[in-house]
Amino acid sequence: MPDQFWTAITQQLKELESAKNADDVIRILSPERNPYGPDWDGQDGAASGFFAGSGGDGTVRGSLFTAGWNDVWLIAPYYYAIQAPDGSMITYIEGDIYRGNRR
C-alpha cells in the first residue's frame, strides 16, 4: 500500500506541473483522487481538494511554479495563495485546496 500511495502522489505532482488554472488543480487533487480515499475524514468538507503528500519530496507549490504560477502571498509552506497564468487562484491550507484567495 505505501508504494501505491507515493505512486499516486508522484503522479499528482507531475500533473500539477502542467496545471493551467484553478480548475486543473481542483481536478488533479479532487477527493476522488485522494490516495486515502474519497471519504477520508481528515479533509475539510469545505475544501475543493486535498494534497495528501505533505512531507514527501515534492510540493504543490513547487509543481505549480513549474507550470508558471506565482505566489500571491505566503505565510508558511503550509498556508499560501498562488495564482495561475490565467489569473485564477487557489489557497493551500495544510493540504486543503480552496478556490480563490482565502486570506
N, C-alpha and C. Protein backbone atom coordinates (compact mmCIF):
# COMPACT_ATOMS: atom_id res chain seq x y z
N MET A 1 0.80 -1.21 0.00
CA MET A 1 0.00 0.00 0.00
C MET A 1 0.85 1.28 0.00
N PRO A 2 1.94 1.36 0.80
CA PRO A 2 2.73 2.60 0.79
C PRO A 2 3.25 2.95 -0.60
N ASP A 3 3.67 1.94 -1.38
CA ASP A 3 4.16 2.22 -2.73
C ASP A 3 3.06 2.81 -3.60
N GLN A 4 1.84 2.29 -3.48
CA GLN A 4 0.71 2.82 -4.25
C GLN A 4 0.41 4.26 -3.85
N PHE A 5 0.51 4.55 -2.56
CA PHE A 5 0.28 5.91 -2.06
C PHE A 5 1.25 6.88 -2.72
N TRP A 6 2.55 6.60 -2.64
CA TRP A 6 3.56 7.52 -3.18
C TRP A 6 3.54 7.56 -4.71
N THR A 7 3.14 6.48 -5.34
CA THR A 7 2.96 6.50 -6.79
C THR A 7 1.86 7.48 -7.16
N ALA A 8 0.75 7.47 -6.42
CA ALA A 8 -0.36 8.40 -6.67
C ALA A 8 0.08 9.85 -6.43
N ILE A 9 0.83 10.09 -5.36
CA ILE A 9 1.32 11.44 -5.05
C ILE A 9 2.27 11.93 -6.15
N THR A 10 3.18 11.09 -6.57
CA THR A 10 4.11 11.46 -7.64
C THR A 10 3.36 11.81 -8.91
N GLN A 11 2.33 11.05 -9.24
CA GLN A 11 1.52 11.32 -10.42
C GLN A 11 0.81 12.67 -10.30
N GLN A 12 0.24 12.96 -9.14
CA GLN A 12 -0.44 14.23 -8.94
C GLN A 12 0.54 15.40 -9.09
N LEU A 13 1.71 15.29 -8.48
CA LEU A 13 2.69 16.36 -8.60
C LEU A 13 3.11 16.58 -10.04
N LYS A 14 3.29 15.51 -10.79
CA LYS A 14 3.65 15.62 -12.20
C LYS A 14 2.54 16.32 -12.99
N GLU A 15 1.30 15.93 -12.75
CA GLU A 15 0.17 16.58 -13.43
C GLU A 15 0.07 18.06 -13.07
N LEU A 16 0.36 18.40 -11.82
CA LEU A 16 0.30 19.81 -11.40
C LEU A 16 1.32 20.66 -12.14
N GLU A 17 2.39 20.06 -12.62
CA GLU A 17 3.42 20.80 -13.36
C GLU A 17 2.90 21.37 -14.67
N SER A 18 1.73 20.93 -15.12
CA SER A 18 1.14 21.49 -16.33
C SER A 18 -0.25 22.08 -16.07
N ALA A 19 -0.59 22.31 -14.81
CA ALA A 19 -1.89 22.90 -14.46
C ALA A 19 -1.95 24.35 -14.94
N LYS A 20 -2.97 24.65 -15.72
CA LYS A 20 -3.08 25.98 -16.31
C LYS A 20 -4.01 26.92 -15.52
N ASN A 21 -4.83 26.34 -14.62
CA ASN A 21 -5.78 27.16 -13.88
C ASN A 21 -6.24 26.43 -12.61
N ALA A 22 -7.03 27.12 -11.81
CA ALA A 22 -7.53 26.55 -10.56
C ALA A 22 -8.35 25.29 -10.81
N ASP A 23 -9.13 25.27 -11.89
CA ASP A 23 -9.93 24.08 -12.20
C ASP A 23 -9.05 22.85 -12.39
N ASP A 24 -7.89 23.02 -13.04
CA ASP A 24 -6.97 21.89 -13.22
C ASP A 24 -6.49 21.36 -11.87
N VAL A 25 -6.11 22.27 -10.97
CA VAL A 25 -5.62 21.86 -9.65
C VAL A 25 -6.71 21.11 -8.89
N ILE A 26 -7.91 21.63 -8.92
CA ILE A 26 -9.02 21.00 -8.20
C ILE A 26 -9.33 19.63 -8.79
N ARG A 27 -9.24 19.50 -10.09
CA ARG A 27 -9.46 18.20 -10.73
C ARG A 27 -8.37 17.20 -10.33
N ILE A 28 -7.11 17.65 -10.35
CA ILE A 28 -5.98 16.77 -10.03
C ILE A 28 -6.01 16.34 -8.56
N LEU A 29 -6.42 17.24 -7.68
CA LEU A 29 -6.42 16.96 -6.24
C LEU A 29 -7.83 16.75 -5.69
N SER A 30 -8.73 16.31 -6.54
CA SER A 30 -10.12 16.09 -6.14
C SER A 30 -10.23 14.99 -5.09
N PRO A 31 -11.29 15.00 -4.30
CA PRO A 31 -11.48 13.94 -3.30
C PRO A 31 -11.45 12.53 -3.91
N GLU A 32 -11.92 12.39 -5.11
CA GLU A 32 -11.94 11.07 -5.77
C GLU A 32 -10.53 10.54 -6.05
N ARG A 33 -9.57 11.45 -6.13
CA ARG A 33 -8.19 11.05 -6.42
C ARG A 33 -7.30 11.05 -5.18
N ASN A 34 -7.89 11.26 -4.01
CA ASN A 34 -7.13 11.26 -2.77
C ASN A 34 -6.66 9.83 -2.49
N PRO A 35 -5.34 9.62 -2.31
CA PRO A 35 -4.85 8.26 -2.06
C PRO A 35 -5.44 7.62 -0.80
N TYR A 36 -5.93 8.43 0.12
CA TYR A 36 -6.58 7.89 1.32
C TYR A 36 -8.01 7.47 1.05
N GLY A 37 -8.55 7.85 -0.10
CA GLY A 37 -9.93 7.53 -0.46
C GLY A 37 -10.79 8.78 -0.44
N PRO A 38 -11.88 8.78 -1.19
CA PRO A 38 -12.72 9.98 -1.33
C PRO A 38 -13.46 10.38 -0.06
N ASP A 39 -13.59 9.46 0.89
CA ASP A 39 -14.33 9.76 2.12
C ASP A 39 -13.43 9.97 3.32
N TRP A 40 -12.16 10.24 3.05
CA TRP A 40 -11.21 10.41 4.15
C TRP A 40 -11.67 11.49 5.10
N ASP A 41 -11.73 11.19 6.38
CA ASP A 41 -12.26 12.11 7.40
C ASP A 41 -11.38 13.32 7.66
N GLY A 42 -10.10 13.25 7.30
CA GLY A 42 -9.21 14.36 7.59
C GLY A 42 -9.41 15.56 6.68
N GLN A 43 -10.16 15.41 5.60
CA GLN A 43 -10.35 16.50 4.66
C GLN A 43 -11.47 17.41 5.14
N ASP A 44 -11.21 18.71 5.10
CA ASP A 44 -12.21 19.71 5.43
C ASP A 44 -13.32 19.65 4.38
N GLY A 45 -14.55 19.48 4.81
CA GLY A 45 -15.67 19.37 3.88
C GLY A 45 -15.85 20.57 2.99
N ALA A 46 -15.34 21.73 3.38
CA ALA A 46 -15.48 22.94 2.56
C ALA A 46 -14.42 23.03 1.47
N ALA A 47 -13.37 22.25 1.59
CA ALA A 47 -12.28 22.29 0.62
C ALA A 47 -12.71 21.62 -0.68
N SER A 48 -12.13 22.10 -1.78
CA SER A 48 -12.41 21.52 -3.09
C SER A 48 -11.51 20.35 -3.42
N GLY A 49 -10.39 20.24 -2.72
CA GLY A 49 -9.45 19.16 -2.96
C GLY A 49 -8.50 19.02 -1.80
N PHE A 50 -7.62 18.03 -1.89
CA PHE A 50 -6.67 17.77 -0.81
C PHE A 50 -5.41 17.15 -1.38
N PHE A 51 -4.25 17.63 -0.90
CA PHE A 51 -2.96 17.03 -1.25
C PHE A 51 -2.48 16.22 -0.05
N ALA A 52 -2.42 14.92 -0.22
CA ALA A 52 -2.07 14.01 0.87
C ALA A 52 -0.57 13.80 1.03
N GLY A 53 0.24 14.35 0.13
CA GLY A 53 1.66 14.05 0.11
C GLY A 53 2.56 15.01 0.85
N SER A 54 2.01 15.84 1.75
CA SER A 54 2.86 16.73 2.53
C SER A 54 3.90 15.91 3.28
N GLY A 55 5.10 16.39 3.30
CA GLY A 55 6.18 15.65 3.95
C GLY A 55 6.99 14.81 2.98
N GLY A 56 6.52 14.71 1.75
CA GLY A 56 7.27 13.99 0.72
C GLY A 56 8.30 14.89 0.08
N ASP A 57 8.87 14.42 -1.00
CA ASP A 57 9.93 15.18 -1.67
C ASP A 57 9.41 16.37 -2.46
N GLY A 58 8.22 16.27 -3.05
CA GLY A 58 7.69 17.34 -3.87
C GLY A 58 6.59 18.12 -3.15
N THR A 59 6.29 19.30 -3.69
CA THR A 59 5.24 20.13 -3.11
C THR A 59 4.28 20.61 -4.20
N VAL A 60 3.08 20.93 -3.80
CA VAL A 60 2.12 21.53 -4.72
C VAL A 60 2.69 22.84 -5.25
N ARG A 61 3.18 23.67 -4.37
CA ARG A 61 3.73 24.97 -4.75
C ARG A 61 4.86 24.82 -5.77
N GLY A 62 5.78 23.91 -5.52
CA GLY A 62 6.89 23.69 -6.45
C GLY A 62 6.42 23.24 -7.81
N SER A 63 5.45 22.32 -7.84
CA SER A 63 4.92 21.85 -9.12
C SER A 63 4.21 22.97 -9.86
N LEU A 64 3.47 23.79 -9.12
CA LEU A 64 2.76 24.90 -9.77
C LEU A 64 3.72 25.98 -10.26
N PHE A 65 4.82 26.19 -9.58
CA PHE A 65 5.85 27.11 -10.09
C PHE A 65 6.34 26.62 -11.45
N THR A 66 6.55 25.32 -11.58
CA THR A 66 6.97 24.74 -12.85
C THR A 66 5.95 25.04 -13.94
N ALA A 67 4.67 25.08 -13.57
CA ALA A 67 3.59 25.36 -14.52
C ALA A 67 3.42 26.85 -14.79
N GLY A 68 4.23 27.70 -14.16
CA GLY A 68 4.16 29.14 -14.42
C GLY A 68 3.31 29.93 -13.45
N TRP A 69 2.93 29.32 -12.33
CA TRP A 69 2.15 30.02 -11.32
C TRP A 69 3.06 30.93 -10.50
N ASN A 70 2.46 31.92 -9.79
CA ASN A 70 3.21 32.85 -8.94
C ASN A 70 2.52 33.01 -7.60
N ASP A 71 3.33 33.24 -6.56
CA ASP A 71 2.77 33.49 -5.23
C ASP A 71 1.92 34.74 -5.22
N VAL A 72 0.80 34.68 -4.52
CA VAL A 72 0.00 35.86 -4.19
C VAL A 72 0.43 36.33 -2.81
N TRP A 73 0.48 35.40 -1.87
CA TRP A 73 1.02 35.61 -0.53
C TRP A 73 1.45 34.26 0.03
N LEU A 74 2.35 34.34 1.00
CA LEU A 74 2.89 33.14 1.64
C LEU A 74 3.09 33.45 3.11
N ILE A 75 2.36 32.74 3.96
CA ILE A 75 2.54 32.87 5.41
C ILE A 75 3.51 31.78 5.90
N ALA A 76 3.32 30.59 5.36
CA ALA A 76 4.14 29.42 5.71
C ALA A 76 4.05 28.43 4.56
N PRO A 77 4.93 27.45 4.52
CA PRO A 77 4.87 26.46 3.43
C PRO A 77 3.55 25.69 3.38
N TYR A 78 2.79 25.75 4.44
CA TYR A 78 1.50 25.05 4.51
C TYR A 78 0.30 26.01 4.45
N TYR A 79 0.56 27.32 4.20
CA TYR A 79 -0.52 28.30 4.15
C TYR A 79 -0.15 29.42 3.18
N TYR A 80 -0.75 29.37 1.98
CA TYR A 80 -0.42 30.35 0.95
C TYR A 80 -1.52 30.41 -0.11
N ALA A 81 -1.46 31.47 -0.91
CA ALA A 81 -2.29 31.57 -2.12
C ALA A 81 -1.35 31.71 -3.29
N ILE A 82 -1.75 31.11 -4.41
CA ILE A 82 -0.92 31.09 -5.60
C ILE A 82 -1.81 31.31 -6.82
N GLN A 83 -1.29 32.03 -7.81
CA GLN A 83 -2.08 32.44 -8.98
C GLN A 83 -1.58 31.79 -10.25
N ALA A 84 -2.54 31.30 -11.03
CA ALA A 84 -2.25 30.66 -12.31
C ALA A 84 -1.98 31.72 -13.38
N PRO A 85 -1.37 31.31 -14.48
CA PRO A 85 -1.15 32.23 -15.59
C PRO A 85 -2.45 32.88 -16.09
N ASP A 86 -3.59 32.20 -15.95
CA ASP A 86 -4.86 32.77 -16.42
C ASP A 86 -5.50 33.71 -15.41
N GLY A 87 -4.87 33.89 -14.23
CA GLY A 87 -5.40 34.79 -13.20
C GLY A 87 -6.20 34.09 -12.12
N SER A 88 -6.59 32.85 -12.32
CA SER A 88 -7.32 32.13 -11.27
C SER A 88 -6.35 31.78 -10.13
N MET A 89 -6.90 31.56 -8.95
CA MET A 89 -6.07 31.31 -7.77
C MET A 89 -6.60 30.14 -6.96
N ILE A 90 -5.68 29.58 -6.18
CA ILE A 90 -6.07 28.62 -5.14
C ILE A 90 -5.38 29.04 -3.84
N THR A 91 -5.99 28.66 -2.74
CA THR A 91 -5.36 28.81 -1.43
C THR A 91 -5.09 27.41 -0.89
N TYR A 92 -3.90 27.23 -0.37
CA TYR A 92 -3.45 25.95 0.19
C TYR A 92 -3.35 26.12 1.69
N ILE A 93 -4.10 25.33 2.44
CA ILE A 93 -4.06 25.37 3.90
C ILE A 93 -3.89 23.95 4.42
N GLU A 94 -2.67 23.63 4.81
CA GLU A 94 -2.35 22.32 5.38
C GLU A 94 -2.89 21.16 4.54
N GLY A 95 -2.72 21.26 3.24
CA GLY A 95 -3.14 20.20 2.32
C GLY A 95 -4.49 20.43 1.68
N ASP A 96 -5.36 21.20 2.36
CA ASP A 96 -6.67 21.50 1.78
C ASP A 96 -6.50 22.52 0.66
N ILE A 97 -7.25 22.34 -0.41
CA ILE A 97 -7.20 23.22 -1.57
C ILE A 97 -8.55 23.95 -1.68
N TYR A 98 -8.48 25.28 -1.69
CA TYR A 98 -9.67 26.12 -1.83
C TYR A 98 -9.53 26.96 -3.09
N ARG A 99 -10.61 27.13 -3.81
CA ARG A 99 -10.61 28.00 -4.98
C ARG A 99 -10.53 29.45 -4.52
N GLY A 100 -9.68 30.23 -5.18
CA GLY A 100 -9.57 31.66 -4.90
C GLY A 100 -8.61 32.00 -3.78
N ASN A 101 -8.58 33.26 -3.43
CA ASN A 101 -7.72 33.80 -2.39
C ASN A 101 -8.53 33.80 -1.09
N ARG A 102 -8.16 32.97 -0.13
CA ARG A 102 -8.92 32.81 1.11
C ARG A 102 -8.24 33.45 2.30
N ARG A 103 -7.45 34.46 2.09
CA ARG A 103 -6.76 35.11 3.22
C ARG A 103 -7.71 35.97 4.00
